[in-house]
């Protein structure tokens, strides 16, 4: 077992960081015990980082990283197809490997999230983005989009291993498949989508996580709007220029006393 294998195991619990950390501790203990028995000389579990509780601990791809990945992995490759599929659907690895032509209906990709199967499965119906449609149109019509060379469905763990190899080849070791799901949500938030709209794409049952993306995007937009309004004020430029003078003249000799503490 190597570090990438441990990361793949932990990734299965990405959306439950406390459980992932508990599993990581058990794996560390197990590997330490293996060392005492001289079964191995290292502990790959110790080389992984614990998850941030309150978040999922996975890096969100930014636009520069996406461009760097697509520069390393050209259209037509499995790597390019996989990242494009997950980026424009927000599908988790366990769901992405199952998607295929059978999931395409009326210009949308429809599926039920495996994570919510016990409660009937959240139905996700995502319109196919033109960039994704261009990629899917070139794929076979009788097998999953991310099929193996034999045309069979690929395992989620297998896709995770490939993703790690692909990101390392692109010099993006901080990026992961789950980070693409987050990147999808980030992009939607920056485009002005509401938390409910993002949740409809990603299939989240609760909006606590996606709310973070809309709030982050909203703060940036509100800051821009606030400064624009300040600049647009009558004599706004003159008022800004005189700020330092106004502060100096406000009280050059402050009174001593408790009120000034």
C-alpha atoms as a PDB file:
ATOM      1  CA  UNK A   1       0.000   0.000   0.000  1.00  0.00           C
ATOM      2  CA  UNK A   2       1.264   3.444  -0.943  1.00  0.00           C
ATOM      3  CA  UNK A   3       0.209   6.976   0.016  1.00  0.00           C
ATOM      4  CA  UNK A   4      -2.005   7.308  -3.076  1.00  0.00           C
ATOM      5  CA  UNK A   5      -3.900   4.170  -2.050  1.00  0.00           C
ATOM      6  CA  UNK A   6      -4.589   5.639   1.394  1.00  0.00           C
ATOM      7  CA  UNK A   7      -5.731   8.899  -0.204  1.00  0.00           C
ATOM      8  CA  UNK A   8      -8.138   6.973  -2.419  1.00  0.00           C
ATOM      9  CA  UNK A   9      -9.610   5.182   0.599  1.00  0.00           C
ATOM     10  CA  UNK A  10     -10.008   8.435   2.535  1.00  0.00           C
ATOM     11  CA  UNK A  11     -11.531  10.174  -0.487  1.00  0.00           C
ATOM     12  CA  UNK A  12     -14.537   7.881  -0.212  1.00  0.00           C
ATOM     13  CA  UNK A  13     -15.397   9.721   3.030  1.00  0.00           C
ATOM     14  CA  UNK A  14     -14.613  13.195   1.701  1.00  0.00           C
ATOM     15  CA  UNK A  15     -17.983  14.636   2.665  1.00  0.00           C
ATOM     16  CA  UNK A  16     -17.727  13.335   6.255  1.00  0.00           C
ATOM     17  CA  UNK A  17     -14.339  14.723   7.379  1.00  0.00           C
ATOM     18  CA  UNK A  18     -14.629  13.559  11.000  1.00  0.00           C
ATOM     19  CA  UNK A  19     -15.208   9.978   9.873  1.00  0.00           C
ATOM     20  CA  UNK A  20     -12.343  10.321   7.382  1.00  0.00           C
ATOM     21  CA  UNK A  21      -9.994  11.488  10.149  1.00  0.00           C
ATOM     22  CA  UNK A  22     -11.034   8.594  12.386  1.00  0.00           C
ATOM     23  CA  UNK A  23     -10.352   6.156   9.560  1.00  0.00           C
ATOM     24  CA  UNK A  24      -6.975   7.806   8.950  1.00  0.00           C
ATOM     25  CA  UNK A  25      -6.044   7.281  12.622  1.00  0.00           C
ATOM     26  CA  UNK A  26      -6.955   3.600  12.414  1.00  0.00           C
ATOM     27  CA  UNK A  27      -4.889   3.188   9.239  1.00  0.00           C
ATOM     28  CA  UNK A  28      -1.918   4.876  10.895  1.00  0.00           C
ATOM     29  CA  UNK A  29      -2.182   2.499  13.854  1.00  0.00           C
ATOM     30  CA  UNK A  30      -2.481  -0.492  11.531  1.00  0.00           C
ATOM     31  CA  UNK A  31       0.572   0.533   9.496  1.00  0.00           C
ATOM     32  CA  UNK A  32       2.594   1.222  12.679  1.00  0.00           C
ATOM     33  CA  UNK A  33       1.763  -2.286  13.859  1.00  0.00           C
ATOM     34  CA  UNK A  34       2.886  -3.677  10.501  1.00  0.00           C
ATOM     35  CA  UNK A  35       6.234  -1.901  10.983  1.00  0.00           C
ATOM     36  CA  UNK A  36       6.714  -3.510  14.418  1.00  0.00           C
ATOM     37  CA  UNK A  37       6.220  -6.893  12.756  1.00  0.00           C
ATOM     38  CA  UNK A  38       8.794  -6.003  10.086  1.00  0.00           C
ATOM     39  CA  UNK A  39       6.156  -6.374   7.399  1.00  0.00           C
ATOM     40  CA  UNK A  40       7.011  -2.970   5.998  1.00  0.00           C
ATOM     41  CA  UNK A  41       9.442  -0.149   6.670  1.00  0.00           C
ATOM     42  CA  UNK A  42       7.226   2.909   6.274  1.00  0.00           C
ATOM     43  CA  UNK A  43       3.772   4.195   7.152  1.00  0.00           C
ATOM     44  CA  UNK A  44       2.045   5.674   4.070  1.00  0.00           C
ATOM     45  CA  UNK A  45      -0.953   6.750   6.152  1.00  0.00           C
ATOM     46  CA  UNK A  46       1.237   9.170   8.109  1.00  0.00           C
ATOM     47  CA  UNK A  47       2.197  10.857   4.828  1.00  0.00           C
ATOM     48  CA  UNK A  48      -1.427  11.973   4.305  1.00  0.00           C
ATOM     49  CA  UNK A  49      -2.940  15.101   5.810  1.00  0.00           C
ATOM     50  CA  UNK A  50      -5.979  15.106   8.108  1.00  0.00           C
ATOM     51  CA  UNK A  51      -9.212  16.604   6.824  1.00  0.00           C
ATOM     52  CA  UNK A  52     -10.353  20.023   7.976  1.00  0.00           C
ATOM     53  CA  UNK A  53     -13.440  19.521  10.102  1.00  0.00           C
ATOM     54  CA  UNK A  54     -16.102  21.944   8.934  1.00  0.00           C
ATOM     55  CA  UNK A  55     -14.899  21.504   5.341  1.00  0.00           C
ATOM     56  CA  UNK A  56     -14.005  18.506   3.207  1.00  0.00           C
ATOM     57  CA  UNK A  57     -10.279  19.141   3.154  1.00  0.00           C
ATOM     58  CA  UNK A  58     -10.049  19.028  -0.644  1.00  0.00           C
ATOM     59  CA  UNK A  59      -8.538  21.752  -2.788  1.00  0.00           C
ATOM     60  CA  UNK A  60     -10.878  23.556  -5.189  1.00  0.00           C
ATOM     61  CA  UNK A  61      -9.461  23.792  -8.711  1.00  0.00           C
ATOM     62  CA  UNK A  62      -9.087  27.358  -9.987  1.00  0.00           C
ATOM     63  CA  UNK A  63      -9.170  28.442 -13.628  1.00  0.00           C
ATOM     64  CA  UNK A  64      -5.373  28.485 -14.004  1.00  0.00           C
ATOM     65  CA  UNK A  65      -5.141  24.918 -12.735  1.00  0.00           C
ATOM     66  CA  UNK A  66      -7.858  23.767 -15.121  1.00  0.00           C
ATOM     67  CA  UNK A  67      -6.020  25.404 -18.015  1.00  0.00           C
ATOM     68  CA  UNK A  68      -2.777  23.744 -16.929  1.00  0.00           C
ATOM     69  CA  UNK A  69      -4.449  20.337 -16.763  1.00  0.00           C
ATOM     70  CA  UNK A  70      -6.046  20.666 -20.188  1.00  0.00           C
ATOM     71  CA  UNK A  71      -2.708  21.798 -21.609  1.00  0.00           C
ATOM     72  CA  UNK A  72      -1.131  18.571 -20.364  1.00  0.00           C
ATOM     73  CA  UNK A  73      -4.071  16.353 -21.345  1.00  0.00           C
ATOM     74  CA  UNK A  74      -5.473  17.112 -24.776  1.00  0.00           C
ATOM     75  CA  UNK A  75      -9.019  16.525 -26.117  1.00  0.00           C
ATOM     76  CA  UNK A  76      -9.628  12.893 -26.963  1.00  0.00           C
ATOM     77  CA  UNK A  77      -7.734  11.524 -23.966  1.00  0.00           C
ATOM     78  CA  UNK A  78      -9.514   9.800 -21.105  1.00  0.00           C
ATOM     79  CA  UNK A  79      -8.033  12.362 -18.718  1.00  0.00           C
ATOM     80  CA  UNK A  80      -9.544  15.270 -20.660  1.00  0.00           C
ATOM     81  CA  UNK A  81     -12.911  13.516 -20.905  1.00  0.00           C
ATOM     82  CA  UNK A  82     -13.041  12.635 -17.205  1.00  0.00           C
ATOM     83  CA  UNK A  83     -12.203  16.125 -15.949  1.00  0.00           C
ATOM     84  CA  UNK A  84     -14.595  17.773 -18.402  1.00  0.00           C
ATOM     85  CA  UNK A  85     -17.405  15.420 -17.359  1.00  0.00           C
ATOM     86  CA  UNK A  86     -16.961  16.026 -13.628  1.00  0.00           C
ATOM     87  CA  UNK A  87     -16.364  19.752 -14.034  1.00  0.00           C
ATOM     88  CA  UNK A  88     -19.584  20.379 -15.961  1.00  0.00           C
ATOM     89  CA  UNK A  89     -21.827  17.981 -14.036  1.00  0.00           C
ATOM     90  CA  UNK A  90     -20.438  18.282 -10.502  1.00  0.00           C
ATOM     91  CA  UNK A  91     -20.694  14.484 -10.277  1.00  0.00           C
ATOM     92  CA  UNK A  92     -18.686  12.630  -7.641  1.00  0.00           C
ATOM     93  CA  UNK A  93     -16.324   9.900  -8.854  1.00  0.00           C
ATOM     94  CA  UNK A  94     -18.669   7.154  -7.719  1.00  0.00           C
ATOM     95  CA  UNK A  95     -21.412   8.628  -9.909  1.00  0.00           C
ATOM     96  CA  UNK A  96     -19.250   9.828 -12.810  1.00  0.00           C
ATOM     97  CA  UNK A  97     -18.011   6.313 -13.640  1.00  0.00           C
ATOM     98  CA  UNK A  98     -21.609   5.150 -14.126  1.00  0.00           C
ATOM     99  CA  UNK A  99     -22.662   7.914 -16.498  1.00  0.00           C
ATOM    100  CA  UNK A 100     -23.159   7.120 -20.148  1.00  0.00           C
ATOM    101  CA  UNK A 101     -25.467   7.655 -23.142  1.00  0.00           C
ATOM    102  CA  UNK A 102     -28.285   5.978 -21.188  1.00  0.00           C
ATOM    103  CA  UNK A 103     -28.237   8.945 -18.803  1.00  0.00           C
ATOM    104  CA  UNK A 104     -28.770  11.505 -21.573  1.00  0.00           C
ATOM    105  CA  UNK A 105     -32.382  12.635 -21.938  1.00  0.00           C
ATOM    106  CA  UNK A 106     -33.655  15.744 -23.707  1.00  0.00           C
ATOM    107  CA  UNK A 107     -30.290  17.473 -23.685  1.00  0.00           C
ATOM    108  CA  UNK A 108     -29.657  16.711 -20.014  1.00  0.00           C
ATOM    109  CA  UNK A 109     -27.639  14.208 -17.996  1.00  0.00           C
ATOM    110  CA  UNK A 110     -29.883  12.568 -15.413  1.00  0.00           C
ATOM    111  CA  UNK A 111     -28.879  10.211 -12.612  1.00  0.00           C
ATOM    112  CA  UNK A 112     -29.477   9.460  -8.942  1.00  0.00           C
ATOM    113  CA  UNK A 113     -26.614  10.003  -6.522  1.00  0.00           C
ATOM    114  CA  UNK A 114     -25.278   6.791  -5.027  1.00  0.00           C
ATOM    115  CA  UNK A 115     -24.628   8.516  -1.701  1.00  0.00           C
ATOM    116  CA  UNK A 116     -28.352   9.100  -1.212  1.00  0.00           C
ATOM    117  CA  UNK A 117     -29.557   5.670  -2.374  1.00  0.00           C
ATOM    118  CA  UNK A 118     -30.836   4.702   1.056  1.00  0.00           C
ATOM    119  CA  UNK A 119     -33.360   7.529   0.901  1.00  0.00           C
ATOM    120  CA  UNK A 120     -34.337   6.810  -2.689  1.00  0.00           C
ATOM    121  CA  UNK A 121     -31.503   8.738  -4.303  1.00  0.00           C
ATOM    122  CA  UNK A 122     -31.504  12.440  -5.109  1.00  0.00           C
ATOM    123  CA  UNK A 123     -32.398  12.894  -8.768  1.00  0.00           C
ATOM    124  CA  UNK A 124     -29.920  15.134 -10.549  1.00  0.00           C
ATOM    125  CA  UNK A 125     -30.817  16.562 -13.955  1.00  0.00           C
ATOM    126  CA  UNK A 126     -28.110  18.794 -15.463  1.00  0.00           C
ATOM    127  CA  UNK A 127     -28.366  20.483 -18.877  1.00  0.00           C
ATOM    128  CA  UNK A 128     -25.373  19.521 -20.999  1.00  0.00           C
ATOM    129  CA  UNK A 129     -22.973  22.452 -21.411  1.00  0.00           C
ATOM    130  CA  UNK A 130     -21.765  22.980 -25.020  1.00  0.00           C
ATOM    131  CA  UNK A 131     -18.139  22.262 -23.996  1.00  0.00           C
ATOM    132  CA  UNK A 132     -19.208  18.945 -22.486  1.00  0.00           C
ATOM    133  CA  UNK A 133     -21.452  18.119 -25.446  1.00  0.00           C
ATOM    134  CA  UNK A 134     -18.484  18.547 -27.798  1.00  0.00           C
ATOM    135  CA  UNK A 135     -16.553  15.932 -25.812  1.00  0.00           C
ATOM    136  CA  UNK A 136     -19.418  13.466 -25.375  1.00  0.00           C
ATOM    137  CA  UNK A 137     -20.419  13.547 -29.044  1.00  0.00           C
ATOM    138  CA  UNK A 138     -17.114  11.859 -29.933  1.00  0.00           C
ATOM    139  CA  UNK A 139     -17.560   8.941 -27.527  1.00  0.00           C
ATOM    140  CA  UNK A 140     -19.060   5.489 -28.265  1.00  0.00           C
ATOM    141  CA  UNK A 141     -22.830   5.308 -27.812  1.00  0.00           C
ATOM    142  CA  UNK A 142     -22.912   1.816 -26.295  1.00  0.00           C
ATOM    143  CA  UNK A 143     -20.701   2.139 -23.201  1.00  0.00           C
ATOM    144  CA  UNK A 144     -20.109   4.428 -20.197  1.00  0.00           C
ATOM    145  CA  UNK A 145     -18.397   7.744 -20.905  1.00  0.00           C
ATOM    146  CA  UNK A 146     -15.367   6.729 -18.810  1.00  0.00           C
ATOM    147  CA  UNK A 147     -15.353   3.060 -19.779  1.00  0.00           C
ATOM    148  CA  UNK A 148     -12.323   0.788 -19.551  1.00  0.00           C
ATOM    149  CA  UNK A 149     -10.537  -0.390 -22.684  1.00  0.00           C
ATOM    150  CA  UNK A 150     -12.870  -3.392 -22.644  1.00  0.00           C
ATOM    151  CA  UNK A 151     -15.885  -1.085 -22.724  1.00  0.00           C
ATOM    152  CA  UNK A 152     -16.986  -1.930 -19.190  1.00  0.00           C
ATOM    153  CA  UNK A 153     -17.756   0.415 -16.330  1.00  0.00           C
ATOM    154  CA  UNK A 154     -14.679   1.704 -14.538  1.00  0.00           C
ATOM    155  CA  UNK A 155     -14.513   1.524 -10.737  1.00  0.00           C
ATOM    156  CA  UNK A 156     -14.545   4.710  -8.667  1.00  0.00           C
ATOM    157  CA  UNK A 157     -11.283   3.655  -7.015  1.00  0.00           C
ATOM    158  CA  UNK A 158      -9.695   3.058 -10.404  1.00  0.00           C
ATOM    159  CA  UNK A 159     -10.711   6.515 -11.561  1.00  0.00           C
ATOM    160  CA  UNK A 160      -9.273   7.981  -8.355  1.00  0.00           C
ATOM    161  CA  UNK A 161      -5.917   6.324  -9.024  1.00  0.00           C
ATOM    162  CA  UNK A 162      -5.907   7.603 -12.597  1.00  0.00           C
ATOM    163  CA  UNK A 163      -6.795  11.111 -11.433  1.00  0.00           C
ATOM    164  CA  UNK A 164      -3.820  11.153  -9.104  1.00  0.00           C
ATOM    165  CA  UNK A 165      -1.525  10.065 -11.934  1.00  0.00           C
ATOM    166  CA  UNK A 166      -3.002  12.623 -14.323  1.00  0.00           C
ATOM    167  CA  UNK A 167      -2.718  15.517 -11.866  1.00  0.00           C
ATOM    168  CA  UNK A 168       0.867  14.575 -11.041  1.00  0.00           C
ATOM    169  CA  UNK A 169       1.688  14.494 -14.769  1.00  0.00           C
ATOM    170  CA  UNK A 170       0.211  18.001 -15.029  1.00  0.00           C
ATOM    171  CA  UNK A 171       2.208  19.095 -11.948  1.00  0.00           C
ATOM    172  CA  UNK A 172      -0.993  19.624  -9.959  1.00  0.00           C
ATOM    173  CA  UNK A 173      -0.590  17.212  -7.006  1.00  0.00           C
ATOM    174  CA  UNK A 174      -2.907  19.355  -4.875  1.00  0.00           C
ATOM    175  CA  UNK A 175      -5.854  18.697  -7.200  1.00  0.00           C
ATOM    176  CA  UNK A 176      -8.284  15.777  -7.012  1.00  0.00           C
ATOM    177  CA  UNK A 177     -11.514  14.475  -8.483  1.00  0.00           C
ATOM    178  CA  UNK A 178     -13.509  15.769  -5.522  1.00  0.00           C
ATOM    179  CA  UNK A 179     -11.951  19.183  -6.069  1.00  0.00           C
ATOM    180  CA  UNK A 180     -13.654  19.261  -9.478  1.00  0.00           C
ATOM    181  CA  UNK A 181     -17.033  18.916  -7.787  1.00  0.00           C
ATOM    182  CA  UNK A 182     -16.126  21.925  -5.673  1.00  0.00           C
ATOM    183  CA  UNK A 183     -14.874  23.777  -8.751  1.00  0.00           C
ATOM    184  CA  UNK A 184     -18.228  23.207 -10.443  1.00  0.00           C
ATOM    185  CA  UNK A 185     -20.009  24.746  -7.445  1.00  0.00           C
ATOM    186  CA  UNK A 186     -17.560  27.643  -7.343  1.00  0.00           C
ATOM    187  CA  UNK A 187     -18.061  28.415 -11.025  1.00  0.00           C
ATOM    188  CA  UNK A 188     -21.840  28.376 -10.632  1.00  0.00           C
ATOM    189  CA  UNK A 189     -21.637  30.694  -7.615  1.00  0.00           C
ATOM    190  CA  UNK A 190     -19.403  33.133  -9.471  1.00  0.00           C
ATOM    191  CA  UNK A 191     -21.888  33.093 -12.349  1.00  0.00           C
ATOM    192  CA  UNK A 192     -24.575  34.269  -9.921  1.00  0.00           C
ATOM    193  CA  UNK A 193     -26.350  30.966  -9.227  1.00  0.00           C
ATOM    194  CA  UNK A 194     -28.190  30.701  -5.911  1.00  0.00           C
ATOM    195  CA  UNK A 195     -27.437  28.015  -3.327  1.00  0.00           C
ATOM    196  CA  UNK A 196     -30.599  26.149  -4.356  1.00  0.00           C
ATOM    197  CA  UNK A 197     -29.606  26.272  -8.027  1.00  0.00           C
ATOM    198  CA  UNK A 198     -26.123  24.965  -7.246  1.00  0.00           C
ATOM    199  CA  UNK A 199     -27.584  22.223  -5.053  1.00  0.00           C
ATOM    200  CA  UNK A 200     -29.824  21.135  -7.931  1.00  0.00           C
ATOM    201  CA  UNK A 201     -26.705  20.587 -10.053  1.00  0.00           C
ATOM    202  CA  UNK A 202     -24.490  18.941  -7.441  1.00  0.00           C
ATOM    203  CA  UNK A 203     -27.276  16.942  -5.803  1.00  0.00           C
ATOM    204  CA  UNK A 204     -26.523  18.051  -2.252  1.00  0.00           C
ATOM    205  CA  UNK A 205     -29.370  17.225   0.140  1.00  0.00           C
ATOM    206  CA  UNK A 206     -28.468  20.144   2.406  1.00  0.00           C
ATOM    207  CA  UNK A 207     -27.270  23.574   1.350  1.00  0.00           C
ATOM    208  CA  UNK A 208     -24.765  24.210   4.146  1.00  0.00           C
ATOM    209  CA  UNK A 209     -21.783  23.439   1.922  1.00  0.00           C
ATOM    210  CA  UNK A 210     -22.929  25.106  -1.278  1.00  0.00           C
ATOM    211  CA  UNK A 211     -23.918  28.192   0.738  1.00  0.00           C
ATOM    212  CA  UNK A 212     -20.218  28.811   1.337  1.00  0.00           C
ATOM    213  CA  UNK A 213     -19.597  29.178  -2.376  1.00  0.00           C
ATOM    214  CA  UNK A 214     -22.441  31.637  -2.904  1.00  0.00           C
ATOM    215  CA  UNK A 215     -21.394  33.660   0.136  1.00  0.00           C
ATOM    216  CA  UNK A 216     -17.771  33.829  -1.007  1.00  0.00           C
ATOM    217  CA  UNK A 217     -18.782  34.876  -4.509  1.00  0.00           C
ATOM    218  CA  UNK A 218     -21.306  37.328  -3.076  1.00  0.00           C
ATOM    219  CA  UNK A 219     -18.736  39.014  -0.832  1.00  0.00           C
ATOM    220  CA  UNK A 220     -16.465  39.721  -3.768  1.00  0.00           C
ATOM    221  CA  UNK A 221     -19.331  41.073  -5.830  1.00  0.00           C
ATOM    222  CA  UNK A 222     -20.611  43.217  -2.967  1.00  0.00           C
ATOM    223  CA  UNK A 223     -17.152  44.690  -2.406  1.00  0.00           C
ATOM    224  CA  UNK A 224     -16.964  45.708  -6.065  1.00  0.00           C
ATOM    225  CA  UNK A 225     -20.457  47.176  -5.894  1.00  0.00           C
ATOM    226  CA  UNK A 226     -19.689  49.067  -2.684  1.00  0.00           C
ATOM    227  CA  UNK A 227     -16.591  50.774  -4.078  1.00  0.00           C
ATOM    228  CA  UNK A 228     -18.398  51.596  -7.329  1.00  0.00           C
ATOM    229  CA  UNK A 229     -21.147  53.305  -5.322  1.00  0.00           C
ATOM    230  CA  UNK A 230     -18.584  55.240  -3.302  1.00  0.00           C
ATOM    231  CA  UNK A 231     -16.824  56.464  -6.424  1.00  0.00           C
ATOM    232  CA  UNK A 232     -20.173  57.399  -8.004  1.00  0.00           C
ATOM    233  CA  UNK A 233     -21.078  59.740  -5.104  1.00  0.00           C
ATOM    234  CA  UNK A 234     -21.217  63.471  -5.918  1.00  0.00           C
ATOM    235  CA  UNK A 235     -17.724  64.883  -5.327  1.00  0.00           C
ATOM    236  CA  UNK A 236     -16.721  61.383  -4.300  1.00  0.00           C
ATOM    237  CA  UNK A 237     -13.186  61.750  -5.589  1.00  0.00           C
ATOM    238  CA  UNK A 238     -12.661  64.990  -3.652  1.00  0.00           C
ATOM    239  CA  UNK A 239     -14.070  63.446  -0.497  1.00  0.00           C
ATOM    240  CA  UNK A 240     -11.698  60.471  -0.762  1.00  0.00           C
ATOM    241  CA  UNK A 241      -8.728  62.780  -1.323  1.00  0.00           C
ATOM    242  CA  UNK A 242      -9.539  64.791   1.812  1.00  0.00           C
ATOM    243  CA  UNK A 243      -9.934  61.824   4.115  1.00  0.00           C
ATOM    244  CA  UNK A 244      -6.521  62.169   5.770  1.00  0.00           C
ATOM    245  CA  UNK A 245      -7.023  65.906   6.338  1.00  0.00           C
ATOM    246  CA  UNK A 246     -10.462  65.305   7.898  1.00  0.00           C
ATOM    247  CA  UNK A 247      -9.065  62.721  10.293  1.00  0.00           C
ATOM    248  CA  UNK A 248      -6.209  64.998  11.352  1.00  0.00           C
ATOM    249  CA  UNK A 249      -8.502  67.974  11.959  1.00  0.00           C
ATOM    250  CA  UNK A 250     -11.123  65.976  13.809  1.00  0.00           C
ATOM    251  CA  UNK A 251      -9.321  66.153  17.155  1.00  0.00           C
ATOM    252  CA  UNK A 252      -5.644  67.033  17.301  1.00  0.00           C
ATOM    253  CA  UNK A 253      -5.671  67.303  21.093  1.00  0.00           C
ATOM    254  CA  UNK A 254      -7.785  64.500  22.471  1.00  0.00           C
ATOM    255  CA  UNK A 255      -8.983  64.901  26.021  1.00  0.00           C
ATOM    256  CA  UNK A 256      -7.653  62.608  28.686  1.00  0.00           C
ATOM    257  CA  UNK A 257     -10.094  60.443  30.554  1.00  0.00           C
ATOM    258  CA  UNK A 258     -11.963  57.189  30.551  1.00  0.00           C
ATOM    259  CA  UNK A 259     -14.061  58.197  27.563  1.00  0.00           C
ATOM    260  CA  UNK A 260     -10.926  58.170  25.373  1.00  0.00           C
ATOM    261  CA  UNK A 261      -9.648  54.773  26.403  1.00  0.00           C
END
